[in-house]
Amino acid sequence: MELTMAGAYLGMLLVLAAFAFETRAIISSRSFAYLTSMGIGELLLTVRATVTGEWPFAVLGAIWAAFAFYSILRPVRSTDGNPLD
């Protein structure tokens, strides 16, 4: 199996697991675990999409990963300055 394909499968599992756990209220969509799983997962999927020339999916994945990593670095805060989660 090609390295980028293996990475894509890992990325897919990370994204699906994060989504499944969030929809079952096991983790929050603002948690470090969720955002990290989404960011890394989408980054791996973006690499594969780029290699195979799937440009719309590559752009979507890159933007999704960027928002996830940005949200880790700059968490949403309440009016009192504390993180929401």
PDB file of N, CA and C in Angstrom:
ATOM      1  N   MET A   1       0.858  -1.191   0.000  1.00  0.00           N
ATOM      2  CA  MET A   1       0.000   0.000   0.000  1.00  0.00           C
ATOM      3  C   MET A   1       0.891   1.238   0.000  1.00  0.00           C
ATOM      4  N   GLU A   2       0.509   2.159  -0.800  1.00  0.00           N
ATOM      5  CA  GLU A   2       1.208   3.424  -0.911  1.00  0.00           C
ATOM      6  C   GLU A   2       1.149   4.205   0.411  1.00  0.00           C
ATOM      7  N   LEU A   3       2.223   4.936   0.725  1.00  0.00           N
ATOM      8  CA  LEU A   3       2.288   5.679   1.988  1.00  0.00           C
ATOM      9  C   LEU A   3       1.166   6.707   2.105  1.00  0.00           C
ATOM     10  N   THR A   4       0.877   7.437   1.026  1.00  0.00           N
ATOM     11  CA  THR A   4      -0.185   8.448   1.113  1.00  0.00           C
ATOM     12  C   THR A   4      -1.562   7.810   1.288  1.00  0.00           C
ATOM     13  N   MET A   5      -1.744   6.599   0.760  1.00  0.00           N
ATOM     14  CA  MET A   5      -3.019   5.902   0.941  1.00  0.00           C
ATOM     15  C   MET A   5      -3.158   5.451   2.393  1.00  0.00           C
ATOM     16  N   ALA A   6      -2.096   4.942   2.971  1.00  0.00           N
ATOM     17  CA  ALA A   6      -2.125   4.548   4.384  1.00  0.00           C
ATOM     18  C   ALA A   6      -2.420   5.768   5.261  1.00  0.00           C
ATOM     19  N   GLY A   7      -1.795   6.893   4.925  1.00  0.00           N
ATOM     20  CA  GLY A   7      -2.057   8.131   5.657  1.00  0.00           C
ATOM     21  C   GLY A   7      -3.495   8.579   5.517  1.00  0.00           C
ATOM     22  N   ALA A   8      -4.058   8.399   4.324  1.00  0.00           N
ATOM     23  CA  ALA A   8      -5.457   8.777   4.102  1.00  0.00           C
ATOM     24  C   ALA A   8      -6.397   7.921   4.939  1.00  0.00           C
ATOM     25  N   TYR A   9      -6.117   6.634   5.027  1.00  0.00           N
ATOM     26  CA  TYR A   9      -6.946   5.765   5.868  1.00  0.00           C
ATOM     27  C   TYR A   9      -6.852   6.168   7.338  1.00  0.00           C
ATOM     28  N   LEU A  10      -5.640   6.481   7.797  1.00  0.00           N
ATOM     29  CA  LEU A  10      -5.475   6.945   9.178  1.00  0.00           C
ATOM     30  C   LEU A  10      -6.223   8.259   9.379  1.00  0.00           C
ATOM     31  N   GLY A  11      -6.089   9.180   8.436  1.00  0.00           N
ATOM     32  CA  GLY A  11      -6.797  10.460   8.515  1.00  0.00           C
ATOM     33  C   GLY A  11      -8.297  10.270   8.569  1.00  0.00           C
ATOM     34  N   MET A  12      -8.803   9.376   7.734  1.00  0.00           N
ATOM     35  CA  MET A  12     -10.237   9.089   7.719  1.00  0.00           C
ATOM     36  C   MET A  12     -10.694   8.566   9.078  1.00  0.00           C
ATOM     37  N   LEU A  13      -9.931   7.661   9.661  1.00  0.00           N
ATOM     38  CA  LEU A  13     -10.294   7.116  10.975  1.00  0.00           C
ATOM     39  C   LEU A  13     -10.280   8.192  12.061  1.00  0.00           C
ATOM     40  N   LEU A  14      -9.296   9.088  12.004  1.00  0.00           N
ATOM     41  CA  LEU A  14      -9.234  10.175  12.991  1.00  0.00           C
ATOM     42  C   LEU A  14     -10.442  11.099  12.878  1.00  0.00           C
ATOM     43  N   VAL A  15     -10.791  11.478  11.664  1.00  0.00           N
ATOM     44  CA  VAL A  15     -11.937  12.377  11.457  1.00  0.00           C
ATOM     45  C   VAL A  15     -13.235  11.700  11.876  1.00  0.00           C
ATOM     46  N   LEU A  16     -13.430  10.467  11.452  1.00  0.00           N
ATOM     47  CA  LEU A  16     -14.661   9.752  11.800  1.00  0.00           C
ATOM     48  C   LEU A  16     -14.780   9.499  13.298  1.00  0.00           C
ATOM     49  N   ALA A  17     -13.675   9.144  13.943  1.00  0.00           N
ATOM     50  CA  ALA A  17     -13.707   8.906  15.385  1.00  0.00           C
ATOM     51  C   ALA A  17     -14.049  10.191  16.137  1.00  0.00           C
ATOM     52  N   ALA A  18     -13.414  11.290  15.758  1.00  0.00           N
ATOM     53  CA  ALA A  18     -13.700  12.567  16.417  1.00  0.00           C
ATOM     54  C   ALA A  18     -15.174  12.937  16.243  1.00  0.00           C
ATOM     55  N   PHE A  19     -15.673  12.776  15.030  1.00  0.00           N
ATOM     56  CA  PHE A  19     -17.073  13.104  14.758  1.00  0.00           C
ATOM     57  C   PHE A  19     -18.014  12.191  15.548  1.00  0.00           C
ATOM     58  N   ALA A  20     -17.723  10.907  15.570  1.00  0.00           N
ATOM     59  CA  ALA A  20     -18.569   9.961  16.309  1.00  0.00           C
ATOM     60  C   ALA A  20     -18.579  10.283  17.802  1.00  0.00           C
ATOM     61  N   PHE A  21     -17.413  10.552  18.368  1.00  0.00           N
ATOM     62  CA  PHE A  21     -17.339  10.867  19.799  1.00  0.00           C
ATOM     63  C   PHE A  21     -18.053  12.184  20.116  1.00  0.00           C
ATOM     64  N   GLU A  22     -17.941  13.141  19.202  1.00  0.00           N
ATOM     65  CA  GLU A  22     -18.609  14.434  19.443  1.00  0.00           C
ATOM     66  C   GLU A  22     -20.124  14.278  19.355  1.00  0.00           C
ATOM     67  N   THR A  23     -20.608  13.531  18.407  1.00  0.00           N
ATOM     68  CA  THR A  23     -22.061  13.376  18.275  1.00  0.00           C
ATOM     69  C   THR A  23     -22.659  12.537  19.393  1.00  0.00           C
ATOM     70  N   ARG A  24     -21.849  11.746  20.068  1.00  0.00           N
ATOM     71  CA  ARG A  24     -22.314  10.957  21.213  1.00  0.00           C
ATOM     72  C   ARG A  24     -22.050  11.693  22.529  1.00  0.00           C
ATOM     73  N   ALA A  25     -21.599  12.942  22.458  1.00  0.00           N
ATOM     74  CA  ALA A  25     -21.306  13.792  23.626  1.00  0.00           C
ATOM     75  C   ALA A  25     -20.216  13.196  24.514  1.00  0.00           C
ATOM     76  N   ILE A  26     -19.287  12.471  23.905  1.00  0.00           N
ATOM     77  CA  ILE A  26     -18.142  11.936  24.648  1.00  0.00           C
ATOM     78  C   ILE A  26     -17.045  12.990  24.743  1.00  0.00           C
ATOM     79  N   ILE A  27     -16.881  13.755  23.671  1.00  0.00           N
ATOM     80  CA  ILE A  27     -15.954  14.885  23.676  1.00  0.00           C
ATOM     81  C   ILE A  27     -16.658  16.095  23.083  1.00  0.00           C
ATOM     82  N   SER A  28     -16.127  17.256  23.371  1.00  0.00           N
ATOM     83  CA  SER A  28     -16.679  18.502  22.839  1.00  0.00           C
ATOM     84  C   SER A  28     -15.991  18.859  21.527  1.00  0.00           C
ATOM     85  N   SER A  29     -16.706  19.522  20.654  1.00  0.00           N
ATOM     86  CA  SER A  29     -16.109  19.960  19.392  1.00  0.00           C
ATOM     87  C   SER A  29     -15.080  21.071  19.608  1.00  0.00           C
ATOM     88  N   ARG A  30     -14.983  21.575  20.801  1.00  0.00           N
ATOM     89  CA  ARG A  30     -13.971  22.587  21.119  1.00  0.00           C
ATOM     90  C   ARG A  30     -12.800  21.996  21.906  1.00  0.00           C
ATOM     91  N   SER A  31     -12.847  20.704  22.183  1.00  0.00           N
ATOM     92  CA  SER A  31     -11.789  20.083  22.983  1.00  0.00           C
ATOM     93  C   SER A  31     -10.515  19.907  22.158  1.00  0.00           C
ATOM     94  N   PHE A  32      -9.407  19.841  22.883  1.00  0.00           N
ATOM     95  CA  PHE A  32      -8.109  19.634  22.247  1.00  0.00           C
ATOM     96  C   PHE A  32      -8.090  18.318  21.477  1.00  0.00           C
ATOM     97  N   ALA A  33      -8.651  17.262  22.052  1.00  0.00           N
ATOM     98  CA  ALA A  33      -8.664  15.948  21.395  1.00  0.00           C
ATOM     99  C   ALA A  33      -9.427  15.995  20.077  1.00  0.00           C
ATOM    100  N   TYR A  34     -10.585  16.620  20.080  1.00  0.00           N
ATOM    101  CA  TYR A  34     -11.399  16.724  18.862  1.00  0.00           C
ATOM    102  C   TYR A  34     -10.668  17.530  17.791  1.00  0.00           C
ATOM    103  N   LEU A  35     -10.195  18.706  18.159  1.00  0.00           N
ATOM    104  CA  LEU A  35      -9.552  19.585  17.197  1.00  0.00           C
ATOM    105  C   LEU A  35      -8.259  18.989  16.659  1.00  0.00           C
ATOM    106  N   THR A  36      -7.507  18.309  17.509  1.00  0.00           N
ATOM    107  CA  THR A  36      -6.274  17.664  17.069  1.00  0.00           C
ATOM    108  C   THR A  36      -6.576  16.526  16.107  1.00  0.00           C
ATOM    109  N   SER A  37      -7.564  15.707  16.451  1.00  0.00           N
ATOM    110  CA  SER A  37      -7.943  14.601  15.567  1.00  0.00           C
ATOM    111  C   SER A  37      -8.426  15.118  14.218  1.00  0.00           C
ATOM    112  N   MET A  38      -9.252  16.146  14.249  1.00  0.00           N
ATOM    113  CA  MET A  38      -9.745  16.725  12.994  1.00  0.00           C
ATOM    114  C   MET A  38      -8.599  17.350  12.189  1.00  0.00           C
ATOM    115  N   GLY A  39      -7.753  18.098  12.849  1.00  0.00           N
ATOM    116  CA  GLY A  39      -6.647  18.764  12.154  1.00  0.00           C
ATOM    117  C   GLY A  39      -5.679  17.787  11.509  1.00  0.00           C
ATOM    118  N   ILE A  40      -5.223  16.801  12.275  1.00  0.00           N
ATOM    119  CA  ILE A  40      -4.282  15.818  11.742  1.00  0.00           C
ATOM    120  C   ILE A  40      -4.966  14.958  10.680  1.00  0.00           C
ATOM    121  N   GLY A  41      -6.190  14.539  10.970  1.00  0.00           N
ATOM    122  CA  GLY A  41      -6.917  13.718  10.009  1.00  0.00           C
ATOM    123  C   GLY A  41      -7.110  14.419   8.675  1.00  0.00           C
ATOM    124  N   GLU A  42      -7.551  15.653   8.732  1.00  0.00           N
ATOM    125  CA  GLU A  42      -7.761  16.404   7.493  1.00  0.00           C
ATOM    126  C   GLU A  42      -6.453  16.706   6.783  1.00  0.00           C
ATOM    127  N   LEU A  43      -5.397  16.943   7.534  1.00  0.00           N
ATOM    128  CA  LEU A  43      -4.094  17.174   6.916  1.00  0.00           C
ATOM    129  C   LEU A  43      -3.639  15.933   6.144  1.00  0.00           C
ATOM    130  N   LEU A  44      -3.808  14.751   6.742  1.00  0.00           N
ATOM    131  CA  LEU A  44      -3.450  13.508   6.055  1.00  0.00           C
ATOM    132  C   LEU A  44      -4.314  13.282   4.813  1.00  0.00           C
ATOM    133  N   LEU A  45      -5.594  13.562   4.918  1.00  0.00           N
ATOM    134  CA  LEU A  45      -6.480  13.431   3.760  1.00  0.00           C
ATOM    135  C   LEU A  45      -6.121  14.446   2.665  1.00  0.00           C
ATOM    136  N   THR A  46      -5.701  15.629   3.070  1.00  0.00           N
ATOM    137  CA  THR A  46      -5.311  16.663   2.116  1.00  0.00           C
ATOM    138  C   THR A  46      -4.067  16.253   1.338  1.00  0.00           C
ATOM    139  N   VAL A  47      -3.121  15.627   2.025  1.00  0.00           N
ATOM    140  CA  VAL A  47      -1.913  15.158   1.335  1.00  0.00           C
ATOM    141  C   VAL A  47      -2.301  14.178   0.234  1.00  0.00           C
ATOM    142  N   ARG A  48      -3.144  13.213   0.569  1.00  0.00           N
ATOM    143  CA  ARG A  48      -3.561  12.231  -0.431  1.00  0.00           C
ATOM    144  C   ARG A  48      -4.334  12.890  -1.582  1.00  0.00           C
ATOM    145  N   ALA A  49      -5.222  13.808  -1.250  1.00  0.00           N
ATOM    146  CA  ALA A  49      -6.001  14.487  -2.289  1.00  0.00           C
ATOM    147  C   ALA A  49      -5.091  15.291  -3.214  1.00  0.00           C
ATOM    148  N   THR A  50      -4.053  15.884  -2.665  1.00  0.00           N
ATOM    149  CA  THR A  50      -3.102  16.647  -3.469  1.00  0.00           C
ATOM    150  C   THR A  50      -2.328  15.727  -4.405  1.00  0.00           C
ATOM    151  N   VAL A  51      -1.858  14.606  -3.872  1.00  0.00           N
ATOM    152  CA  VAL A  51      -1.090  13.645  -4.675  1.00  0.00           C
ATOM    153  C   VAL A  51      -1.924  13.097  -5.833  1.00  0.00           C
ATOM    154  N   THR A  52      -3.196  12.875  -5.599  1.00  0.00           N
ATOM    155  CA  THR A  52      -4.055  12.301  -6.638  1.00  0.00           C
ATOM    156  C   THR A  52      -4.732  13.357  -7.517  1.00  0.00           C
ATOM    157  N   GLY A  53      -4.487  14.641  -7.220  1.00  0.00           N
ATOM    158  CA  GLY A  53      -5.039  15.717  -8.042  1.00  0.00           C
ATOM    159  C   GLY A  53      -6.497  16.028  -7.781  1.00  0.00           C
ATOM    160  N   GLU A  54      -6.999  15.634  -6.644  1.00  0.00           N
ATOM    161  CA  GLU A  54      -8.392  15.942  -6.263  1.00  0.00           C
ATOM    162  C   GLU A  54      -8.419  17.331  -5.607  1.00  0.00           C
ATOM    163  N   TRP A  55      -8.294  18.353  -6.424  1.00  0.00           N
ATOM    164  CA  TRP A  55      -8.072  19.705  -5.918  1.00  0.00           C
ATOM    165  C   TRP A  55      -9.213  20.268  -5.066  1.00  0.00           C
ATOM    166  N   PRO A  56     -10.474  20.096  -5.404  1.00  0.00           N
ATOM    167  CA  PRO A  56     -11.518  20.622  -4.523  1.00  0.00           C
ATOM    168  C   PRO A  56     -11.448  19.999  -3.120  1.00  0.00           C
ATOM    169  N   PHE A  57     -11.208  18.692  -3.075  1.00  0.00           N
ATOM    170  CA  PHE A  57     -11.109  18.018  -1.779  1.00  0.00           C
ATOM    171  C   PHE A  57      -9.840  18.454  -1.045  1.00  0.00           C
ATOM    172  N   ALA A  58      -8.749  18.661  -1.772  1.00  0.00           N
ATOM    173  CA  ALA A  58      -7.503  19.115  -1.148  1.00  0.00           C
ATOM    174  C   ALA A  58      -7.689  20.493  -0.512  1.00  0.00           C
ATOM    175  N   VAL A  59      -8.349  21.386  -1.230  1.00  0.00           N
ATOM    176  CA  VAL A  59      -8.586  22.735  -0.691  1.00  0.00           C
ATOM    177  C   VAL A  59      -9.505  22.665   0.526  1.00  0.00           C
ATOM    178  N   LEU A  60     -10.583  21.892   0.422  1.00  0.00           N
ATOM    179  CA  LEU A  60     -11.498  21.737   1.555  1.00  0.00           C
ATOM    180  C   LEU A  60     -10.765  21.189   2.778  1.00  0.00           C
ATOM    181  N   GLY A  61      -9.983  20.136   2.593  1.00  0.00           N
ATOM    182  CA  GLY A  61      -9.252  19.539   3.705  1.00  0.00           C
ATOM    183  C   GLY A  61      -8.243  20.492   4.323  1.00  0.00           C
ATOM    184  N   ALA A  62      -7.552  21.249   3.479  1.00  0.00           N
ATOM    185  CA  ALA A  62      -6.562  22.204   3.981  1.00  0.00           C
ATOM    186  C   ALA A  62      -7.223  23.297   4.820  1.00  0.00           C
ATOM    187  N   ILE A  63      -8.356  23.793   4.346  1.00  0.00           N
ATOM    188  CA  ILE A  63      -9.072  24.826   5.099  1.00  0.00           C
ATOM    189  C   ILE A  63      -9.612  24.256   6.403  1.00  0.00           C
ATOM    190  N   TRP A  64     -10.167  23.060   6.362  1.00  0.00           N
ATOM    191  CA  TRP A  64     -10.692  22.403   7.555  1.00  0.00           C
ATOM    192  C   TRP A  64      -9.577  22.209   8.581  1.00  0.00           C
ATOM    193  N   ALA A  65      -8.420  21.713   8.133  1.00  0.00           N
ATOM    194  CA  ALA A  65      -7.281  21.509   9.032  1.00  0.00           C
ATOM    195  C   ALA A  65      -6.804  22.845   9.606  1.00  0.00           C
ATOM    196  N   ALA A  66      -6.752  23.873   8.767  1.00  0.00           N
ATOM    197  CA  ALA A  66      -6.305  25.190   9.234  1.00  0.00           C
ATOM    198  C   ALA A  66      -7.224  25.724  10.331  1.00  0.00           C
ATOM    199  N   PHE A  67      -8.533  25.585  10.153  1.00  0.00           N
ATOM    200  CA  PHE A  67      -9.465  26.041  11.190  1.00  0.00           C
ATOM    201  C   PHE A  67      -9.292  25.248  12.479  1.00  0.00           C
ATOM    202  N   ALA A  68      -9.061  23.952  12.360  1.00  0.00           N
ATOM    203  CA  ALA A  68      -8.870  23.129  13.554  1.00  0.00           C
ATOM    204  C   ALA A  68      -7.625  23.577  14.318  1.00  0.00           C
ATOM    205  N   PHE A  69      -6.501  23.743  13.609  1.00  0.00           N
ATOM    206  CA  PHE A  69      -5.267  24.150  14.282  1.00  0.00           C
ATOM    207  C   PHE A  69      -5.365  25.582  14.806  1.00  0.00           C
ATOM    208  N   TYR A  70      -6.015  26.453  14.059  1.00  0.00           N
ATOM    209  CA  TYR A  70      -6.224  27.826  14.528  1.00  0.00           C
ATOM    210  C   TYR A  70      -7.049  27.827  15.816  1.00  0.00           C
ATOM    211  N   SER A  71      -8.047  26.975  15.880  1.00  0.00           N
ATOM    212  CA  SER A  71      -8.901  26.907  17.068  1.00  0.00           C
ATOM    213  C   SER A  71      -8.156  26.369  18.280  1.00  0.00           C
ATOM    214  N   ILE A  72      -7.149  25.555  18.054  1.00  0.00           N
ATOM    215  CA  ILE A  72      -6.309  25.096  19.173  1.00  0.00           C
ATOM    216  C   ILE A  72      -5.468  26.259  19.681  1.00  0.00           C
ATOM    217  N   LEU A  73      -4.893  27.018  18.758  1.00  0.00           N
ATOM    218  CA  LEU A  73      -4.010  28.129  19.132  1.00  0.00           C
ATOM    219  C   LEU A  73      -4.763  29.334  19.671  1.00  0.00           C
ATOM    220  N   ARG A  74      -5.975  29.563  19.178  1.00  0.00           N
ATOM    221  CA  ARG A  74      -6.779  30.721  19.573  1.00  0.00           C
ATOM    222  C   ARG A  74      -8.181  30.268  19.969  1.00  0.00           C
ATOM    223  N   PRO A  75      -8.329  29.642  21.135  1.00  0.00           N
ATOM    224  CA  PRO A  75      -9.653  29.117  21.517  1.00  0.00           C
ATOM    225  C   PRO A  75     -10.680  30.232  21.705  1.00  0.00           C
ATOM    226  N   VAL A  76     -11.932  29.896  21.437  1.00  0.00           N
ATOM    227  CA  VAL A  76     -13.040  30.822  21.659  1.00  0.00           C
ATOM    228  C   VAL A  76     -13.160  31.049  23.160  1.00  0.00           C
ATOM    229  N   ARG A  77     -13.323  32.290  23.544  1.00  0.00           N
ATOM    230  CA  ARG A  77     -13.414  32.623  24.975  1.00  0.00           C
ATOM    231  C   ARG A  77     -14.750  33.272  25.283  1.00  0.00           C
ATOM    232  N   SER A  78     -15.194  33.071  26.506  1.00  0.00           N
ATOM    233  CA  SER A  78     -16.425  33.720  26.946  1.00  0.00           C
ATOM    234  C   SER A  78     -16.132  35.180  27.266  1.00  0.00           C
ATOM    235  N   THR A  79     -17.147  35.920  27.604  1.00  0.00           N
ATOM    236  CA  THR A  79     -16.972  37.348  27.879  1.00  0.00           C
ATOM    237  C   THR A  79     -16.092  37.609  29.101  1.00  0.00           C
ATOM    238  N   ASP A  80     -15.950  36.609  29.999  1.00  0.00           N
ATOM    239  CA  ASP A  80     -15.090  36.805  31.161  1.00  0.00           C
ATOM    240  C   ASP A  80     -13.632  36.403  30.878  1.00  0.00           C
ATOM    241  N   GLY A  81     -13.344  36.003  29.616  1.00  0.00           N
ATOM    242  CA  GLY A  81     -11.985  35.692  29.238  1.00  0.00           C
ATOM    243  C   GLY A  81     -11.592  34.246  29.393  1.00  0.00           C
ATOM    244  N   ASN A  82     -12.461  33.406  29.919  1.00  0.00           N
ATOM    245  CA  ASN A  82     -12.149  31.985  30.102  1.00  0.00           C
ATOM    246  C   ASN A  82     -12.524  31.196  28.857  1.00  0.00           C
ATOM    247  N   PRO A  83     -11.761  30.118  28.562  1.00  0.00           N
ATOM    248  CA  PRO A  83     -12.158  29.258  27.438  1.00  0.00           C
ATOM    249  C   PRO A  83     -13.558  28.688  27.662  1.00  0.00           C
ATOM    250  N   LEU A  84     -14.309  28.498  26.571  1.00  0.00           N
ATOM    251  CA  LEU A  84     -15.660  27.979  26.702  1.00  0.00           C
ATOM    252  C   LEU A  84     -15.672  26.525  27.165  1.00  0.00           C
ATOM    253  N   ASP A  85     -14.673  25.735  26.799  1.00  0.00           N
ATOM    254  CA  ASP A  85     -14.602  24.339  27.226  1.00  0.00           C
ATOM    255  C   ASP A  85     -13.313  24.078  27.943  1.00  0.00           C
TER     256      ASP A  85
END
